[in-house]
């Protein structure tokens, strides 16, 4: 009789384990789901608009098809609409919270429209410096204690922007010192924004800084100061400096656009 009491009832044990399994699965499922409100702030299921299956990691190359420096794996992100359980977003992220997306990302509207964007972090091998856009021929005339006529080439470093940055190099000739003419090489940076520009440059004899007005970057008119590196060696180019620069190029992006005032 006593032995029958303690004899295991396999049918009861089966049902007990089955109930525990269902409870554990339900708890695990809840823990693996992250809910968000309409502003993508974490919330409870009752007030949620979207939900995300807990992100898991895969190899970076398996996700993007290429390796990324210092990134061995990425999180797989899958977001859904809570109202109909349809996919809202899928992609890959460097972080668990999906703030730094990498590779192909896809957004789906509730009616199924798709928007795709590629977050490309592929490293270019043997990357070399590319000369930006077409070169610009410039002529520059300055006058300080002596006059200086310079010609050379400029390169537009950011021609896609409305504000322009030019890197220039050239060679200039001063007027006579006791019947002798001297050459001065020139390298400079010039930045323009709307009607104004600022320019700084140097030769092996002096440095200068100039600011003023520009007309569409076609010509600049400025005033500044030239600083000699050595006052005792000819040619000495120093003092308050007035300048005029003219730019000629087939690259229309180098010039600012002329906007008519309505």
Protein backbone atom coordinates (compact mmCIF):
# COMPACT_ATOMS: atom_id res chain seq x y z
CA UNK A 1 0.00 0.00 0.00
CA UNK A 2 2.74 2.44 1.02
CA UNK A 3 4.74 1.58 -2.10
CA UNK A 4 1.74 2.35 -4.32
CA UNK A 5 1.51 5.87 -2.81
CA UNK A 6 5.11 6.76 -3.78
CA UNK A 7 5.02 4.96 -7.11
CA UNK A 8 5.62 7.60 -9.83
CA UNK A 9 2.59 8.45 -11.94
CA UNK A 10 4.09 9.08 -15.39
CA UNK A 11 0.88 10.53 -16.77
CA UNK A 12 0.77 13.20 -14.05
CA UNK A 13 4.45 13.97 -14.49
CA UNK A 14 3.95 14.36 -18.23
CA UNK A 15 1.18 16.92 -17.77
CA UNK A 16 3.20 18.74 -15.12
CA UNK A 17 6.25 19.05 -17.39
CA UNK A 18 4.02 20.11 -20.29
CA UNK A 19 2.49 22.96 -18.24
CA UNK A 20 5.94 24.07 -17.05
CA UNK A 21 7.20 23.98 -20.64
CA UNK A 22 4.33 26.20 -21.85
CA UNK A 23 4.89 28.69 -19.03
CA UNK A 24 8.62 28.79 -19.66
CA UNK A 25 8.09 29.25 -23.41
CA UNK A 26 5.68 32.09 -22.81
CA UNK A 27 8.09 33.83 -20.43
CA UNK A 28 10.99 33.28 -22.82
CA UNK A 29 8.96 34.66 -25.72
CA UNK A 30 8.10 37.79 -23.74
CA UNK A 31 11.72 38.31 -22.75
CA UNK A 32 12.81 37.96 -26.39
CA UNK A 33 10.43 40.68 -27.62
CA UNK A 34 11.05 44.43 -27.27
CA UNK A 35 8.03 46.73 -27.59
CA UNK A 36 8.11 50.35 -28.82
CA UNK A 37 5.58 53.16 -28.89
CA UNK A 38 4.91 55.30 -32.00
CA UNK A 39 8.02 57.40 -31.18
CA UNK A 40 10.23 54.28 -30.94
CA UNK A 41 10.62 54.50 -27.18
CA UNK A 42 10.53 51.24 -25.25
CA UNK A 43 7.19 50.55 -23.63
CA UNK A 44 4.84 47.74 -22.61
CA UNK A 45 2.83 45.64 -25.04
CA UNK A 46 -0.40 47.44 -24.11
CA UNK A 47 0.84 50.82 -25.39
CA UNK A 48 3.11 49.53 -28.16
CA UNK A 49 2.92 50.27 -31.89
CA UNK A 50 5.93 48.22 -32.97
CA UNK A 51 7.86 45.28 -31.61
CA UNK A 52 11.31 43.82 -32.24
CA UNK A 53 12.46 40.26 -31.98
CA UNK A 54 15.50 40.17 -29.72
CA UNK A 55 18.54 40.87 -31.96
CA UNK A 56 21.08 38.10 -32.45
CA UNK A 57 24.57 38.21 -33.94
CA UNK A 58 25.93 36.90 -37.23
CA UNK A 59 29.29 37.27 -38.94
CA UNK A 60 29.81 40.63 -40.62
CA UNK A 61 30.78 39.08 -43.94
CA UNK A 62 27.64 36.90 -43.91
CA UNK A 63 25.51 40.03 -43.40
CA UNK A 64 27.17 42.48 -45.79
CA UNK A 65 29.29 40.32 -48.09
CA UNK A 66 32.50 42.08 -47.05
CA UNK A 67 34.68 42.52 -43.99
CA UNK A 68 34.72 45.69 -41.88
CA UNK A 69 37.75 46.72 -39.87
CA UNK A 70 37.39 46.00 -36.13
CA UNK A 71 33.85 44.60 -36.61
CA UNK A 72 33.60 40.81 -36.55
CA UNK A 73 29.82 40.47 -36.15
CA UNK A 74 26.59 42.44 -36.50
CA UNK A 75 23.18 42.32 -34.85
CA UNK A 76 20.26 41.17 -36.99
CA UNK A 77 17.38 43.64 -36.53
CA UNK A 78 13.77 42.68 -37.33
CA UNK A 79 10.94 45.07 -36.42
CA UNK A 80 7.20 44.45 -36.89
CA UNK A 81 3.89 46.29 -36.76
CA UNK A 82 2.04 45.12 -33.67
CA UNK A 83 -1.37 45.65 -35.29
CA UNK A 84 -0.86 43.07 -38.06
CA UNK A 85 2.51 41.43 -37.29
CA UNK A 86 3.86 42.54 -40.70
CA UNK A 87 7.56 43.37 -41.11
CA UNK A 88 8.38 47.05 -40.61
CA UNK A 89 12.18 46.97 -40.82
CA UNK A 90 14.97 44.51 -41.38
CA UNK A 91 18.69 45.14 -41.45
CA UNK A 92 21.94 44.90 -39.54
CA UNK A 93 23.43 47.03 -36.82
CA UNK A 94 26.75 47.42 -35.08
CA UNK A 95 24.99 47.84 -31.74
CA UNK A 96 22.14 46.06 -29.95
CA UNK A 97 19.87 49.15 -30.03
CA UNK A 98 20.15 49.55 -33.84
CA UNK A 99 21.59 53.07 -33.74
CA UNK A 100 24.48 52.29 -36.12
CA UNK A 101 23.14 50.51 -39.18
CA UNK A 102 25.51 48.70 -41.55
CA UNK A 103 24.86 47.09 -44.91
CA UNK A 104 21.46 46.86 -46.58
CA UNK A 105 18.50 48.26 -44.63
CA UNK A 106 14.84 47.94 -45.67
CA UNK A 107 11.80 49.81 -44.37
CA UNK A 108 8.25 48.62 -45.14
CA UNK A 109 5.10 50.69 -44.87
CA UNK A 110 1.93 49.01 -43.60
CA UNK A 111 0.64 48.70 -47.15
CA UNK A 112 3.86 46.99 -48.27
CA UNK A 113 5.80 49.85 -49.92
CA UNK A 114 9.55 49.34 -49.65
CA UNK A 115 12.33 51.88 -49.01
CA UNK A 116 15.93 50.65 -49.19
CA UNK A 117 19.19 52.25 -48.15
CA UNK A 118 22.75 50.96 -48.20
CA UNK A 119 25.04 51.85 -45.29
CA UNK A 120 28.36 51.00 -46.95
CA UNK A 121 31.48 50.71 -44.80
CA UNK A 122 33.50 48.78 -47.36
CA UNK A 123 37.18 49.72 -47.18
CA UNK A 124 38.66 50.74 -50.52
CA UNK A 125 41.96 49.03 -51.15
CA UNK A 126 44.87 51.01 -52.52
CA UNK A 127 42.94 54.24 -52.07
CA UNK A 128 44.79 57.15 -53.68
CA UNK A 129 44.27 60.88 -53.62
CA UNK A 130 42.10 62.04 -56.50
CA UNK A 131 42.48 65.50 -57.95
CA UNK A 132 39.14 67.22 -57.28
CA UNK A 133 37.18 68.38 -60.31
CA UNK A 134 38.80 70.34 -63.16
CA UNK A 135 41.62 72.79 -62.38
CA UNK A 136 41.07 76.54 -62.38
CA UNK A 137 43.50 79.01 -63.91
CA UNK A 138 43.94 82.09 -61.73
CA UNK A 139 45.68 85.43 -62.10
CA UNK A 140 46.42 87.39 -58.94
CA UNK A 141 47.74 90.92 -58.53
CA UNK A 142 48.92 92.17 -55.12
CA UNK A 143 50.50 95.40 -54.05
CA UNK A 144 52.24 96.06 -50.74
CA UNK A 145 55.69 97.69 -50.58
CA UNK A 146 56.11 96.21 -54.07
CA UNK A 147 53.66 94.87 -56.63
CA UNK A 148 53.44 91.14 -57.34
CA UNK A 149 51.79 89.44 -60.34
CA UNK A 150 51.07 85.73 -59.86
CA UNK A 151 49.55 83.05 -62.08
CA UNK A 152 48.83 79.38 -61.48
CA UNK A 153 46.25 76.67 -60.88
CA UNK A 154 43.58 76.23 -58.24
CA UNK A 155 41.62 73.10 -57.33
CA UNK A 156 38.10 73.23 -55.91
CA UNK A 157 38.08 70.91 -52.89
CA UNK A 158 34.33 70.99 -52.27
CA UNK A 159 32.63 72.05 -55.49
CA UNK A 160 29.37 70.29 -54.57
CA UNK A 161 28.88 72.78 -51.74
CA UNK A 162 27.60 76.32 -52.18
CA UNK A 163 30.54 77.54 -50.09
CA UNK A 164 33.81 76.95 -51.93
CA UNK A 165 37.28 75.99 -50.75
CA UNK A 166 40.16 76.43 -53.22
CA UNK A 167 43.69 75.06 -52.98
CA UNK A 168 46.06 76.95 -55.27
CA UNK A 169 49.66 76.94 -56.36
CA UNK A 170 51.46 79.28 -58.73
CA UNK A 171 54.44 81.53 -59.38
CA UNK A 172 54.72 85.32 -59.17
CA UNK A 173 57.06 88.08 -60.36
CA UNK A 174 57.78 91.22 -58.32
CA UNK A 175 58.52 94.56 -59.88
CA UNK A 176 62.08 95.80 -60.13
CA UNK A 177 64.60 95.92 -57.30
CA UNK A 178 67.39 98.09 -58.75
CA UNK A 179 66.67 96.71 -62.21
CA UNK A 180 66.29 93.09 -61.07
CA UNK A 181 63.05 91.07 -61.02
CA UNK A 182 62.46 88.29 -58.52
CA UNK A 183 60.20 85.28 -58.56
CA UNK A 184 58.06 84.14 -55.65
CA UNK A 185 56.27 80.74 -55.60
CA UNK A 186 52.77 80.75 -54.13
CA UNK A 187 50.61 78.23 -52.32
CA UNK A 188 47.32 79.23 -50.76
CA UNK A 189 43.87 78.28 -49.45
CA UNK A 190 40.87 80.46 -50.23
CA UNK A 191 37.41 80.00 -48.70
CA UNK A 192 34.32 81.87 -49.92
CA UNK A 193 30.82 82.10 -48.47
CA UNK A 194 28.20 84.10 -50.31
CA UNK A 195 29.75 87.55 -50.99
CA UNK A 196 32.79 87.19 -48.71
CA UNK A 197 36.08 85.33 -48.88
CA UNK A 198 39.17 84.77 -46.76
CA UNK A 199 42.53 83.67 -48.11
CA UNK A 200 45.84 82.68 -46.59
CA UNK A 201 49.03 81.68 -48.34
CA UNK A 202 52.81 81.64 -48.38
CA UNK A 203 55.95 81.77 -50.48
CA UNK A 204 59.48 80.95 -49.36
CA UNK A 205 59.88 84.63 -48.42
CA UNK A 206 56.57 85.66 -46.84
CA UNK A 207 53.15 84.68 -45.59
CA UNK A 208 49.91 86.60 -46.05
CA UNK A 209 46.30 86.75 -44.96
CA UNK A 210 43.61 88.55 -46.97
CA UNK A 211 39.86 88.97 -46.72
CA UNK A 212 37.28 90.79 -48.78
CA UNK A 213 34.42 90.45 -51.23
CA UNK A 214 33.92 88.06 -54.13
CA UNK A 215 31.67 88.20 -57.16
CA UNK A 216 30.48 84.61 -57.69
CA UNK A 217 34.11 83.46 -57.21
CA UNK A 218 34.88 84.86 -60.67
CA UNK A 219 36.95 87.60 -59.11
CA UNK A 220 37.93 88.52 -55.55
CA UNK A 221 38.84 91.94 -54.21
CA UNK A 222 40.54 92.00 -50.83
CA UNK A 223 42.84 93.64 -48.36
CA UNK A 224 45.16 92.12 -45.77
CA UNK A 225 48.72 91.97 -44.57
CA UNK A 226 51.95 90.29 -45.69
CA UNK A 227 54.51 89.07 -43.17
CA UNK A 228 58.12 88.65 -44.35
CA UNK A 229 60.15 85.74 -42.97
CA UNK A 230 63.37 87.80 -43.15
CA UNK A 231 63.51 91.59 -43.49
CA UNK A 232 67.13 91.65 -44.64
CA UNK A 233 67.00 89.48 -47.76
CA UNK A 234 65.73 90.70 -51.13
CA UNK A 235 63.01 90.56 -52.18
CA UNK A 236 61.25 91.81 -49.06
CA UNK A 237 57.48 91.76 -49.51
CA UNK A 238 55.66 93.16 -46.50
CA UNK A 239 52.99 95.47 -45.14
CA UNK A 240 49.33 96.12 -45.83
CA UNK A 241 48.36 94.34 -49.03
CA UNK A 242 45.60 94.92 -51.56
CA UNK A 243 44.77 92.10 -53.97
CA UNK A 244 42.69 91.26 -57.02
CA UNK A 245 42.17 87.64 -58.18
CA UNK A 246 40.55 86.46 -61.41
CA UNK A 247 39.49 82.82 -61.96
CA UNK A 248 38.99 81.18 -65.35
CA UNK A 249 37.67 77.63 -65.71
CA UNK A 250 35.24 75.40 -67.63
CA UNK A 251 34.15 73.89 -64.31
CA UNK A 252 30.89 75.73 -63.64
CA UNK A 253 30.68 74.22 -60.15
CA UNK A 254 33.64 76.37 -59.11
CA UNK A 255 31.51 79.48 -59.40
CA UNK A 256 28.68 80.52 -57.14
CA UNK A 257 25.19 80.76 -58.59
CA UNK A 258 23.76 84.17 -59.35
CA UNK A 259 20.46 84.57 -57.51
CA UNK A 260 18.14 87.34 -58.68
CA UNK A 261 16.35 89.15 -55.86
CA UNK A 262 12.63 88.95 -56.56
